[in-house]
Structure formats: structure tokens, C-alpha cells
Amino acid sequence: MLTKLFNDETGFIVSAELVLIATILVIGLVVGLSEVQHAVVSELNDVGDAIGSLNQCYSFSGFSKRDRGGCVTHAHSVGSHFNDTVDDCDNNQCDIACDAPSNESPKW
């Protein structure tokens, strides 16, 4: 029985095929997930651009209520104004700078 088990080669082809198929699937999965990552980052960049392009300026006037003679003020509120300025990275205005490639250090 041990000699028959030792000489049995019927499962070898199936194992090699499974390893090949598994390798191809893992490579395809890595490439697919990389593309999903790029798509998600692109969409989040679009959302950030949309938020950065919103105009947040506002203003409102004040009011006051005085007597008919104009001597006594019963209610008073001042107005306000805010002017939105452009931030550093609104709408992809800033670039991400990458360092230049460098050689490997010598191995001792």
C-alpha cells in the first residue's frame, strides 16, 4: 500500500492547476483593488473640489427701532459681513511634491 501511495501521481496535475489558478486570481485581485482605490480617491478629490468651490461669503444688515422722535432706541442689532478668501489647496491649486529618486546606499 505504501508503494502504491508513493507511485501515485494523479493528484499532482490538479494541485499544479490550483496553484496556477490561485496565483492568477490573486494577481487579478490586487490589480482590481488598485483600480478601486484610484477610483475612490478620484471621487473623493471631486467631492473636495466641490466643497472648496463653495462661496461662503455672507452679509446681513443691522436694524434698530426708535421712538417717533428718534431719541430713545428700543431695539438695536448690528450687521455683519464675511468675505471668503481662497485657501491654499482649494480646487487642486497646490501640488504634492515628491522627492527625486535616489540611489541605494552601499551594502556592507
PDB file of N, CA and C in Angstrom:
ATOM      1  N   MET A   1       0.831  -1.186   0.000  1.00  0.00           N
ATOM      2  CA  MET A   1       0.000   0.000   0.000  1.00  0.00           C
ATOM      3  C   MET A   1       0.880   1.257   0.000  1.00  0.00           C
ATOM      4  N   LEU A   2       2.003   1.215   0.721  1.00  0.00           N
ATOM      5  CA  LEU A   2       2.898   2.363   0.758  1.00  0.00           C
ATOM      6  C   LEU A   2       3.536   2.608  -0.618  1.00  0.00           C
ATOM      7  N   THR A   3       3.871   1.521  -1.336  1.00  0.00           N
ATOM      8  CA  THR A   3       4.443   1.647  -2.679  1.00  0.00           C
ATOM      9  C   THR A   3       3.406   2.230  -3.641  1.00  0.00           C
ATOM     10  N   LYS A   4       2.171   1.810  -3.518  1.00  0.00           N
ATOM     11  CA  LYS A   4       1.110   2.337  -4.373  1.00  0.00           C
ATOM     12  C   LYS A   4       0.891   3.829  -4.116  1.00  0.00           C
ATOM     13  N   LEU A   5       0.937   4.244  -2.840  1.00  0.00           N
ATOM     14  CA  LEU A   5       0.787   5.658  -2.489  1.00  0.00           C
ATOM     15  C   LEU A   5       1.972   6.471  -2.997  1.00  0.00           C
ATOM     16  N   PHE A   6       3.185   5.923  -2.903  1.00  0.00           N
ATOM     17  CA  PHE A   6       4.387   6.621  -3.340  1.00  0.00           C
ATOM     18  C   PHE A   6       4.404   6.811  -4.861  1.00  0.00           C
ATOM     19  N   ASN A   7       3.897   5.844  -5.604  1.00  0.00           N
ATOM     20  CA  ASN A   7       3.893   5.906  -7.066  1.00  0.00           C
ATOM     21  C   ASN A   7       2.673   6.621  -7.633  1.00  0.00           C
ATOM     22  N   ASP A   8       1.740   7.012  -6.798  1.00  0.00           N
ATOM     23  CA  ASP A   8       0.520   7.660  -7.265  1.00  0.00           C
ATOM     24  C   ASP A   8       0.825   9.120  -7.625  1.00  0.00           C
ATOM     25  N   GLU A   9       0.610   9.523  -8.868  1.00  0.00           N
ATOM     26  CA  GLU A   9       0.859  10.880  -9.348  1.00  0.00           C
ATOM     27  C   GLU A   9      -0.410  11.539  -9.872  1.00  0.00           C
ATOM     28  N   THR A  10      -1.570  11.010  -9.585  1.00  0.00           N
ATOM     29  CA  THR A  10      -2.806  11.527 -10.170  1.00  0.00           C
ATOM     30  C   THR A  10      -3.200  12.887  -9.603  1.00  0.00           C
ATOM     31  N   GLY A  11      -2.827  13.196  -8.369  1.00  0.00           N
ATOM     32  CA  GLY A  11      -3.214  14.468  -7.773  1.00  0.00           C
ATOM     33  C   GLY A  11      -2.265  15.603  -8.078  1.00  0.00           C
ATOM     34  N   PHE A  12      -1.133  15.345  -8.695  1.00  0.00           N
ATOM     35  CA  PHE A  12      -0.127  16.368  -8.940  1.00  0.00           C
ATOM     36  C   PHE A  12      -0.609  17.416  -9.929  1.00  0.00           C
ATOM     37  N   ILE A  13      -1.255  16.988 -10.994  1.00  0.00           N
ATOM     38  CA  ILE A  13      -1.727  17.913 -12.019  1.00  0.00           C
ATOM     39  C   ILE A  13      -2.790  18.834 -11.435  1.00  0.00           C
ATOM     40  N   VAL A  14      -3.680  18.294 -10.645  1.00  0.00           N
ATOM     41  CA  VAL A  14      -4.736  19.098 -10.039  1.00  0.00           C
ATOM     42  C   VAL A  14      -4.137  20.132  -9.094  1.00  0.00           C
ATOM     43  N   SER A  15      -3.138  19.762  -8.311  1.00  0.00           N
ATOM     44  CA  SER A  15      -2.505  20.702  -7.387  1.00  0.00           C
ATOM     45  C   SER A  15      -1.800  21.817  -8.149  1.00  0.00           C
ATOM     46  N   ALA A  16      -1.078  21.462  -9.222  1.00  0.00           N
ATOM     47  CA  ALA A  16      -0.389  22.489 -10.005  1.00  0.00           C
ATOM     48  C   ALA A  16      -1.390  23.429 -10.667  1.00  0.00           C
ATOM     49  N   GLU A  17      -2.489  22.901 -11.157  1.00  0.00           N
ATOM     50  CA  GLU A  17      -3.509  23.758 -11.762  1.00  0.00           C
ATOM     51  C   GLU A  17      -4.124  24.687 -10.728  1.00  0.00           C
ATOM     52  N   LEU A  18      -4.370  24.187  -9.538  1.00  0.00           N
ATOM     53  CA  LEU A  18      -4.944  25.040  -8.487  1.00  0.00           C
ATOM     54  C   LEU A  18      -3.983  26.145  -8.080  1.00  0.00           C
ATOM     55  N   VAL A  19      -2.702  25.833  -7.997  1.00  0.00           N
ATOM     56  CA  VAL A  19      -1.721  26.872  -7.661  1.00  0.00           C
ATOM     57  C   VAL A  19      -1.678  27.928  -8.758  1.00  0.00           C
ATOM     58  N   LEU A  20      -1.707  27.523 -10.006  1.00  0.00           N
ATOM     59  CA  LEU A  20      -1.701  28.468 -11.118  1.00  0.00           C
ATOM     60  C   LEU A  20      -2.955  29.334 -11.114  1.00  0.00           C
ATOM     61  N   ILE A  21      -4.098  28.709 -10.929  1.00  0.00           N
ATOM     62  CA  ILE A  21      -5.358  29.467 -10.900  1.00  0.00           C
ATOM     63  C   ILE A  21      -5.390  30.417  -9.708  1.00  0.00           C
ATOM     64  N   ALA A  22      -4.939  29.961  -8.559  1.00  0.00           N
ATOM     65  CA  ALA A  22      -4.924  30.821  -7.370  1.00  0.00           C
ATOM     66  C   ALA A  22      -3.983  32.002  -7.573  1.00  0.00           C
ATOM     67  N   THR A  23      -2.839  31.769  -8.199  1.00  0.00           N
ATOM     68  CA  THR A  23      -1.891  32.856  -8.453  1.00  0.00           C
ATOM     69  C   THR A  23      -2.498  33.892  -9.396  1.00  0.00           C
ATOM     70  N   ILE A  24      -3.141  33.436 -10.443  1.00  0.00           N
ATOM     71  CA  ILE A  24      -3.774  34.365 -11.393  1.00  0.00           C
ATOM     72  C   ILE A  24      -4.901  35.145 -10.712  1.00  0.00           C
ATOM     73  N   LEU A  25      -5.661  34.471  -9.865  1.00  0.00           N
ATOM     74  CA  LEU A  25      -6.744  35.166  -9.154  1.00  0.00           C
ATOM     75  C   LEU A  25      -6.202  36.215  -8.192  1.00  0.00           C
ATOM     76  N   VAL A  26      -5.141  35.909  -7.485  1.00  0.00           N
ATOM     77  CA  VAL A  26      -4.569  36.877  -6.532  1.00  0.00           C
ATOM     78  C   VAL A  26      -4.008  38.076  -7.279  1.00  0.00           C
ATOM     79  N   ILE A  27      -3.314  37.846  -8.391  1.00  0.00           N
ATOM     80  CA  ILE A  27      -2.783  38.960  -9.180  1.00  0.00           C
ATOM     81  C   ILE A  27      -3.931  39.824  -9.710  1.00  0.00           C
ATOM     82  N   GLY A  28      -4.975  39.192 -10.208  1.00  0.00           N
ATOM     83  CA  GLY A  28      -6.135  39.940 -10.688  1.00  0.00           C
ATOM     84  C   GLY A  28      -6.827  40.709  -9.580  1.00  0.00           C
ATOM     85  N   LEU A  29      -6.875  40.123  -8.389  1.00  0.00           N
ATOM     86  CA  LEU A  29      -7.495  40.795  -7.250  1.00  0.00           C
ATOM     87  C   LEU A  29      -6.699  42.022  -6.833  1.00  0.00           C
ATOM     88  N   VAL A  30      -5.384  41.915  -6.833  1.00  0.00           N
ATOM     89  CA  VAL A  30      -4.542  43.058  -6.469  1.00  0.00           C
ATOM     90  C   VAL A  30      -4.716  44.187  -7.480  1.00  0.00           C
ATOM     91  N   VAL A  31      -4.733  43.860  -8.756  1.00  0.00           N
ATOM     92  CA  VAL A  31      -4.922  44.882  -9.793  1.00  0.00           C
ATOM     93  C   VAL A  31      -6.314  45.500  -9.681  1.00  0.00           C
ATOM     94  N   GLY A  32      -7.319  44.679  -9.451  1.00  0.00           N
ATOM     95  CA  GLY A  32      -8.679  45.199  -9.306  1.00  0.00           C
ATOM     96  C   GLY A  32      -8.838  46.113  -8.109  1.00  0.00           C
ATOM     97  N   LEU A  33      -8.268  45.730  -6.973  1.00  0.00           N
ATOM     98  CA  LEU A  33      -8.357  46.579  -5.785  1.00  0.00           C
ATOM     99  C   LEU A  33      -7.579  47.878  -5.965  1.00  0.00           C
ATOM    100  N   SER A  34      -6.485  47.827  -6.708  1.00  0.00           N
ATOM    101  CA  SER A  34      -5.738  49.050  -7.002  1.00  0.00           C
ATOM    102  C   SER A  34      -6.582  50.004  -7.834  1.00  0.00           C
ATOM    103  N   GLU A  35      -7.301  49.488  -8.800  1.00  0.00           N
ATOM    104  CA  GLU A  35      -8.178  50.333  -9.612  1.00  0.00           C
ATOM    105  C   GLU A  35      -9.335  50.894  -8.788  1.00  0.00           C
ATOM    106  N   VAL A  36      -9.869  50.102  -7.873  1.00  0.00           N
ATOM    107  CA  VAL A  36     -10.922  50.603  -6.981  1.00  0.00           C
ATOM    108  C   VAL A  36     -10.385  51.729  -6.111  1.00  0.00           C
ATOM    109  N   GLN A  37      -9.162  51.571  -5.615  1.00  0.00           N
ATOM    110  CA  GLN A  37      -8.551  52.620  -4.794  1.00  0.00           C
ATOM    111  C   GLN A  37      -8.412  53.910  -5.595  1.00  0.00           C
ATOM    112  N   HIS A  38      -7.931  53.807  -6.837  1.00  0.00           N
ATOM    113  CA  HIS A  38      -7.776  55.012  -7.655  1.00  0.00           C
ATOM    114  C   HIS A  38      -9.125  55.661  -7.940  1.00  0.00           C
ATOM    115  N   ALA A  39     -10.157  54.868  -8.168  1.00  0.00           N
ATOM    116  CA  ALA A  39     -11.485  55.426  -8.430  1.00  0.00           C
ATOM    117  C   ALA A  39     -12.047  56.131  -7.199  1.00  0.00           C
ATOM    118  N   VAL A  40     -11.861  55.532  -6.015  1.00  0.00           N
ATOM    119  CA  VAL A  40     -12.365  56.145  -4.778  1.00  0.00           C
ATOM    120  C   VAL A  40     -11.623  57.445  -4.487  1.00  0.00           C
ATOM    121  N   VAL A  41     -10.308  57.445  -4.665  1.00  0.00           N
ATOM    122  CA  VAL A  41      -9.529  58.664  -4.429  1.00  0.00           C
ATOM    123  C   VAL A  41      -9.940  59.760  -5.405  1.00  0.00           C
ATOM    124  N   SER A  42     -10.193  59.400  -6.647  1.00  0.00           N
ATOM    125  CA  SER A  42     -10.631  60.380  -7.641  1.00  0.00           C
ATOM    126  C   SER A  42     -11.978  60.979  -7.272  1.00  0.00           C
ATOM    127  N   GLU A  43     -12.908  60.138  -6.831  1.00  0.00           N
ATOM    128  CA  GLU A  43     -14.229  60.651  -6.443  1.00  0.00           C
ATOM    129  C   GLU A  43     -14.143  61.528  -5.194  1.00  0.00           C
ATOM    130  N   LEU A  44     -13.316  61.133  -4.222  1.00  0.00           N
ATOM    131  CA  LEU A  44     -13.152  61.970  -3.026  1.00  0.00           C
ATOM    132  C   LEU A  44     -12.482  63.293  -3.372  1.00  0.00           C
ATOM    133  N   ASN A  45     -11.588  63.285  -4.350  1.00  0.00           N
ATOM    134  CA  ASN A  45     -10.982  64.528  -4.817  1.00  0.00           C
ATOM    135  C   ASN A  45     -12.038  65.429  -5.443  1.00  0.00           C
ATOM    136  N   ASP A  46     -12.968  64.854  -6.192  1.00  0.00           N
ATOM    137  CA  ASP A  46     -14.062  65.638  -6.774  1.00  0.00           C
ATOM    138  C   ASP A  46     -14.948  66.241  -5.687  1.00  0.00           C
ATOM    139  N   VAL A  47     -15.216  65.467  -4.645  1.00  0.00           N
ATOM    140  CA  VAL A  47     -16.026  65.992  -3.532  1.00  0.00           C
ATOM    141  C   VAL A  47     -15.296  67.137  -2.838  1.00  0.00           C
ATOM    142  N   GLY A  48     -13.993  66.967  -2.631  1.00  0.00           N
ATOM    143  CA  GLY A  48     -13.205  68.043  -2.015  1.00  0.00           C
ATOM    144  C   GLY A  48     -13.184  69.294  -2.880  1.00  0.00           C
ATOM    145  N   ASP A  49     -13.087  69.124  -4.198  1.00  0.00           N
ATOM    146  CA  ASP A  49     -13.135  70.279  -5.098  1.00  0.00           C
ATOM    147  C   ASP A  49     -14.483  70.973  -5.039  1.00  0.00           C
ATOM    148  N   ALA A  50     -15.564  70.191  -4.944  1.00  0.00           N
ATOM    149  CA  ALA A  50     -16.901  70.787  -4.865  1.00  0.00           C
ATOM    150  C   ALA A  50     -17.072  71.588  -3.576  1.00  0.00           C
ATOM    151  N   ILE A  51     -16.567  71.050  -2.476  1.00  0.00           N
ATOM    152  CA  ILE A  51     -16.670  71.777  -1.204  1.00  0.00           C
ATOM    153  C   ILE A  51     -15.788  73.017  -1.232  1.00  0.00           C
ATOM    154  N   GLY A  52     -14.591  72.890  -1.823  1.00  0.00           N
ATOM    155  CA  GLY A  52     -13.690  74.036  -1.888  1.00  0.00           C
ATOM    156  C   GLY A  52     -14.189  75.147  -2.785  1.00  0.00           C
ATOM    157  N   SER A  53     -15.040  74.827  -3.752  1.00  0.00           N
ATOM    158  CA  SER A  53     -15.522  75.861  -4.661  1.00  0.00           C
ATOM    159  C   SER A  53     -16.773  76.563  -4.154  1.00  0.00           C
ATOM    160  N   LEU A  54     -17.309  76.140  -3.009  1.00  0.00           N
ATOM    161  CA  LEU A  54     -18.478  76.824  -2.462  1.00  0.00           C
ATOM    162  C   LEU A  54     -18.103  78.235  -2.016  1.00  0.00           C
ATOM    163  N   ASN A  55     -18.944  79.185  -2.324  1.00  0.00           N
ATOM    164  CA  ASN A  55     -18.741  80.562  -1.899  1.00  0.00           C
ATOM    165  C   ASN A  55     -19.393  80.727  -0.531  1.00  0.00           C
ATOM    166  N   GLN A  56     -18.577  81.014   0.468  1.00  0.00           N
ATOM    167  CA  GLN A  56     -19.084  81.097   1.833  1.00  0.00           C
ATOM    168  C   GLN A  56     -19.225  82.539   2.317  1.00  0.00           C
ATOM    169  N   CYS A  57     -19.202  83.480   1.397  1.00  0.00           N
ATOM    170  CA  CYS A  57     -19.378  84.879   1.779  1.00  0.00           C
ATOM    171  C   CYS A  57     -20.819  85.120   2.233  1.00  0.00           C
ATOM    172  N   TYR A  58     -20.965  85.972   3.233  1.00  0.00           N
ATOM    173  CA  TYR A  58     -22.316  86.326   3.662  1.00  0.00           C
ATOM    174  C   TYR A  58     -22.286  87.730   4.256  1.00  0.00           C
ATOM    175  N   SER A  59     -23.428  88.349   4.291  1.00  0.00           N
ATOM    176  CA  SER A  59     -23.574  89.643   4.969  1.00  0.00           C
ATOM    177  C   SER A  59     -25.043  89.833   5.328  1.00  0.00           C
ATOM    178  N   PHE A  60     -25.257  90.552   6.407  1.00  0.00           N
ATOM    179  CA  PHE A  60     -26.625  90.929   6.757  1.00  0.00           C
ATOM    180  C   PHE A  60     -26.567  92.293   7.432  1.00  0.00           C
ATOM    181  N   SER A  61     -27.599  93.048   7.190  1.00  0.00           N
ATOM    182  CA  SER A  61     -27.634  94.417   7.711  1.00  0.00           C
ATOM    183  C   SER A  61     -28.226  94.439   9.112  1.00  0.00           C
ATOM    184  N   GLY A  62     -27.893  95.455   9.840  1.00  0.00           N
ATOM    185  CA  GLY A  62     -28.453  95.618  11.181  1.00  0.00           C
ATOM    186  C   GLY A  62     -29.771  96.356  11.135  1.00  0.00           C
ATOM    187  N   PHE A  63     -30.406  96.443  12.285  1.00  0.00           N
ATOM    188  CA  PHE A  63     -31.667  97.189  12.369  1.00  0.00           C
ATOM    189  C   PHE A  63     -31.752  97.829  13.750  1.00  0.00           C
ATOM    190  N   SER A  64     -32.606  98.811  13.835  1.00  0.00           N
ATOM    191  CA  SER A  64     -32.868  99.445  15.127  1.00  0.00           C
ATOM    192  C   SER A  64     -34.302  99.967  15.125  1.00  0.00           C
ATOM    193  N   LYS A  65     -34.886 100.042  16.323  1.00  0.00           N
ATOM    194  CA  LYS A  65     -36.249 100.561  16.487  1.00  0.00           C
ATOM    195  C   LYS A  65     -36.178 101.728  17.451  1.00  0.00           C
ATOM    196  N   ARG A  66     -36.583 102.883  16.961  1.00  0.00           N
ATOM    197  CA  ARG A  66     -36.533 104.079  17.789  1.00  0.00           C
ATOM    198  C   ARG A  66     -37.942 104.672  17.937  1.00  0.00           C
ATOM    199  N   ASP A  67     -38.063 105.532  18.899  1.00  0.00           N
ATOM    200  CA  ASP A  67     -39.322 106.262  19.070  1.00  0.00           C
ATOM    201  C   ASP A  67     -39.549 107.195  17.891  1.00  0.00           C
ATOM    202  N   ARG A  68     -40.755 107.740  17.831  1.00  0.00           N
ATOM    203  CA  ARG A  68     -41.084 108.645  16.722  1.00  0.00           C
ATOM    204  C   ARG A  68     -40.207 109.884  16.746  1.00  0.00           C
ATOM    205  N   GLY A  69     -39.826 110.292  17.866  1.00  0.00           N
ATOM    206  CA  GLY A  69     -38.966 111.473  17.953  1.00  0.00           C
ATOM    207  C   GLY A  69     -37.515 111.123  17.638  1.00  0.00           C
ATOM    208  N   GLY A  70     -37.169 109.852  17.710  1.00  0.00           N
ATOM    209  CA  GLY A  70     -35.822 109.417  17.404  1.00  0.00           C
ATOM    210  C   GLY A  70     -34.865 109.540  18.558  1.00  0.00           C
ATOM    211  N   CYS A  71     -35.377 109.794  19.759  1.00  0.00           N
ATOM    212  CA  CYS A  71     -34.499 109.994  20.904  1.00  0.00           C
ATOM    213  C   CYS A  71     -34.178 108.693  21.641  1.00  0.00           C
ATOM    214  N   VAL A  72     -35.144 107.794  21.751  1.00  0.00           N
ATOM    215  CA  VAL A  72     -34.960 106.573  22.532  1.00  0.00           C
ATOM    216  C   VAL A  72     -34.901 105.372  21.581  1.00  0.00           C
ATOM    217  N   THR A  73     -33.875 104.547  21.753  1.00  0.00           N
ATOM    218  CA  THR A  73     -33.726 103.333  20.952  1.00  0.00           C
ATOM    219  C   THR A  73     -34.246 102.152  21.759  1.00  0.00           C
ATOM    220  N   HIS A  74     -35.212 101.417  21.218  1.00  0.00           N
ATOM    221  CA  HIS A  74     -35.789 100.270  21.915  1.00  0.00           C
ATOM    222  C   HIS A  74     -35.067  98.970  21.570  1.00  0.00           C
ATOM    223  N   ALA A  75     -34.679  98.805  20.325  1.00  0.00           N
ATOM    224  CA  ALA A  75     -34.003  97.578  19.905  1.00  0.00           C
ATOM    225  C   ALA A  75     -32.918  97.951  18.903  1.00  0.00           C
ATOM    226  N   HIS A  76     -31.827  97.208  18.982  1.00  0.00           N
ATOM    227  CA  HIS A  76     -30.705  97.546  18.114  1.00  0.00           C
ATOM    228  C   HIS A  76     -29.924  96.261  17.801  1.00  0.00           C
ATOM    229  N   SER A  77     -29.558  96.080  16.559  1.00  0.00           N
ATOM    230  CA  SER A  77     -28.718  94.945  16.147  1.00  0.00           C
ATOM    231  C   SER A  77     -27.764  95.429  15.070  1.00  0.00           C
ATOM    232  N   VAL A  78     -26.502  95.042  15.214  1.00  0.00           N
ATOM    233  CA  VAL A  78     -25.522  95.460  14.211  1.00  0.00           C
ATOM    234  C   VAL A  78     -25.463  94.415  13.099  1.00  0.00           C
ATOM    235  N   GLY A  79     -25.024  94.822  11.945  1.00  0.00           N
ATOM    236  CA  GLY A  79     -24.883  93.901  10.829  1.00  0.00           C
ATOM    237  C   GLY A  79     -23.527  93.207  10.858  1.00  0.00           C
ATOM    238  N   SER A  80     -23.324  92.331   9.907  1.00  0.00           N
ATOM    239  CA  SER A  80     -22.055  91.606   9.831  1.00  0.00           C
ATOM    240  C   SER A  80     -21.760  91.274   8.377  1.00  0.00           C
ATOM    241  N   HIS A  81     -20.459  91.054   8.105  1.00  0.00           N
ATOM    242  CA  HIS A  81     -20.038  90.723   6.752  1.00  0.00           C
ATOM    243  C   HIS A  81     -18.818  89.804   6.840  1.00  0.00           C
ATOM    244  N   PHE A  82     -18.811  88.772   6.017  1.00  0.00           N
ATOM    245  CA  PHE A  82     -17.660  87.868   5.940  1.00  0.00           C
ATOM    246  C   PHE A  82     -17.340  87.641   4.477  1.00  0.00           C
ATOM    247  N   ASN A  83     -16.079  87.821   4.120  1.00  0.00           N
ATOM    248  CA  ASN A  83     -15.642  87.606   2.744  1.00  0.00           C
ATOM    249  C   ASN A  83     -14.736  86.385   2.714  1.00  0.00           C
ATOM    250  N   ASP A  84     -15.129  85.368   1.977  1.00  0.00           N
ATOM    251  CA  ASP A  84     -14.365  84.126   1.890  1.00  0.00           C
ATOM    252  C   ASP A  84     -13.178  84.317   0.952  1.00  0.00           C
ATOM    253  N   THR A  85     -11.998  83.968   1.420  1.00  0.00           N
ATOM    254  CA  THR A  85     -10.804  84.023   0.585  1.00  0.00           C
ATOM    255  C   THR A  85     -10.428  82.611   0.155  1.00  0.00           C
ATOM    256  N   VAL A  86      -9.634  82.508  -0.881  1.00  0.00           N
ATOM    257  CA  VAL A  86      -9.233  81.212  -1.421  1.00  0.00           C
ATOM    258  C   VAL A  86      -8.206  80.578  -0.491  1.00  0.00           C
ATOM    259  N   ASP A  87      -8.427  79.330  -0.127  1.00  0.00           N
ATOM    260  CA  ASP A  87      -7.481  78.598   0.699  1.00  0.00           C
ATOM    261  C   ASP A  87      -6.358  78.035  -0.162  1.00  0.00           C
ATOM    262  N   ASP A  88      -5.348  77.484   0.494  1.00  0.00           N
ATOM    263  CA  ASP A  88      -4.166  77.007  -0.223  1.00  0.00           C
ATOM    264  C   ASP A  88      -4.493  75.910  -1.231  1.00  0.00           C
ATOM    265  N   CYS A  89      -5.271  74.921  -0.836  1.00  0.00           N
ATOM    266  CA  CYS A  89      -5.472  73.756  -1.705  1.00  0.00           C
ATOM    267  C   CYS A  89      -6.886  73.665  -2.276  1.00  0.00           C
ATOM    268  N   ASP A  90      -7.607  74.771  -2.356  1.00  0.00           N
ATOM    269  CA  ASP A  90      -8.924  74.730  -2.979  1.00  0.00           C
ATOM    270  C   ASP A  90      -8.783  74.435  -4.466  1.00  0.00           C
ATOM    271  N   ASN A  91      -9.565  73.506  -4.962  1.00  0.00           N
ATOM    272  CA  ASN A  91      -9.626  73.155  -6.382  1.00  0.00           C
ATOM    273  C   ASN A  91      -8.264  72.784  -6.965  1.00  0.00           C
ATOM    274  N   ASN A  92      -7.522  71.983  -6.233  1.00  0.00           N
ATOM    275  CA  ASN A  92      -6.229  71.447  -6.688  1.00  0.00           C
ATOM    276  C   ASN A  92      -5.233  72.542  -7.048  1.00  0.00           C
ATOM    277  N   GLN A  93      -5.176  73.600  -6.243  1.00  0.00           N
ATOM    278  CA  GLN A  93      -4.229  74.667  -6.522  1.00  0.00           C
ATOM    279  C   GLN A  93      -2.839  74.340  -5.987  1.00  0.00           C
ATOM    280  N   CYS A  94      -2.737  73.418  -5.066  1.00  0.00           N
ATOM    281  CA  CYS A  94      -1.419  73.062  -4.551  1.00  0.00           C
ATOM    282  C   CYS A  94      -0.993  71.728  -5.146  1.00  0.00           C
ATOM    283  N   ASP A  95       0.286  71.597  -5.370  1.00  0.00           N
ATOM    284  CA  ASP A  95       0.836  70.369  -5.932  1.00  0.00           C
ATOM    285  C   ASP A  95       1.515  69.583  -4.829  1.00  0.00           C
ATOM    286  N   ILE A  96       1.397  68.276  -4.919  1.00  0.00           N
ATOM    287  CA  ILE A  96       2.113  67.417  -3.995  1.00  0.00           C
ATOM    288  C   ILE A  96       3.490  67.181  -4.596  1.00  0.00           C
ATOM    289  N   ALA A  97       4.506  67.626  -3.914  1.00  0.00           N
ATOM    290  CA  ALA A  97       5.864  67.499  -4.435  1.00  0.00           C
ATOM    291  C   ALA A  97       6.476  66.207  -3.931  1.00  0.00           C
ATOM    292  N   CYS A  98       7.010  65.433  -4.849  1.00  0.00           N
ATOM    293  CA  CYS A  98       7.695  64.198  -4.490  1.00  0.00           C
ATOM    294  C   CYS A  98       9.190  64.408  -4.617  1.00  0.00           C
ATOM    295  N   ASP A  99       9.924  63.769  -3.736  1.00  0.00           N
ATOM    296  CA  ASP A  99      11.383  63.864  -3.804  1.00  0.00           C
ATOM    297  C   ASP A  99      11.882  63.111  -5.028  1.00  0.00           C
ATOM    298  N   ALA A 100      13.028  63.545  -5.509  1.00  0.00           N
ATOM    299  CA  ALA A 100      13.645  62.864  -6.649  1.00  0.00           C
ATOM    300  C   ALA A 100      14.144  61.492  -6.198  1.00  0.00           C
ATOM    301  N   PRO A 101      14.174  60.521  -7.105  1.00  0.00           N
ATOM    302  CA  PRO A 101      14.666  59.201  -6.714  1.00  0.00           C
ATOM    303  C   PRO A 101      16.150  59.265  -6.377  1.00  0.00           C
ATOM    304  N   SER A 102      16.552  58.426  -5.451  1.00  0.00           N
ATOM    305  CA  SER A 102      17.964  58.385  -5.054  1.00  0.00           C
ATOM    306  C   SER A 102      18.461  56.951  -5.148  1.00  0.00           C
ATOM    307  N   ASN A 103      19.755  56.827  -5.298  1.00  0.00           N
ATOM    308  CA  ASN A 103      20.375  55.519  -5.398  1.00  0.00           C
ATOM    309  C   ASN A 103      20.359  54.817  -4.049  1.00  0.00           C
ATOM    310  N   GLU A 104      20.434  53.517  -4.098  1.00  0.00           N
ATOM    311  CA  GLU A 104      20.520  52.744  -2.853  1.00  0.00           C
ATOM    312  C   GLU A 104      21.857  52.981  -2.195  1.00  0.00           C
ATOM    313  N   SER A 105      21.859  52.889  -0.880  1.00  0.00           N
ATOM    314  CA  SER A 105      23.126  53.024  -0.165  1.00  0.00           C
ATOM    315  C   SER A 105      23.920  51.729  -0.309  1.00  0.00           C
ATOM    316  N   PRO A 106      25.225  51.813  -0.240  1.00  0.00           N
ATOM    317  CA  PRO A 106      26.012  50.588  -0.392  1.00  0.00           C
ATOM    318  C   PRO A 106      25.740  49.609   0.735  1.00  0.00           C
ATOM    319  N   LYS A 107      25.788  48.354   0.399  1.00  0.00           N
ATOM    320  CA  LYS A 107      25.560  47.299   1.382  1.00  0.00           C
ATOM    321  C   LYS A 107      26.900  46.832   1.920  1.00  0.00           C
ATOM    322  N   TRP A 108      27.089  46.852   3.177  1.00  0.00           N
ATOM    323  CA  TRP A 108      28.359  46.475   3.801  1.00  0.00           C
ATOM    324  C   TRP A 108      28.375  45.038   4.177  1.00  0.00           C
TER     325      TRP A 108
END
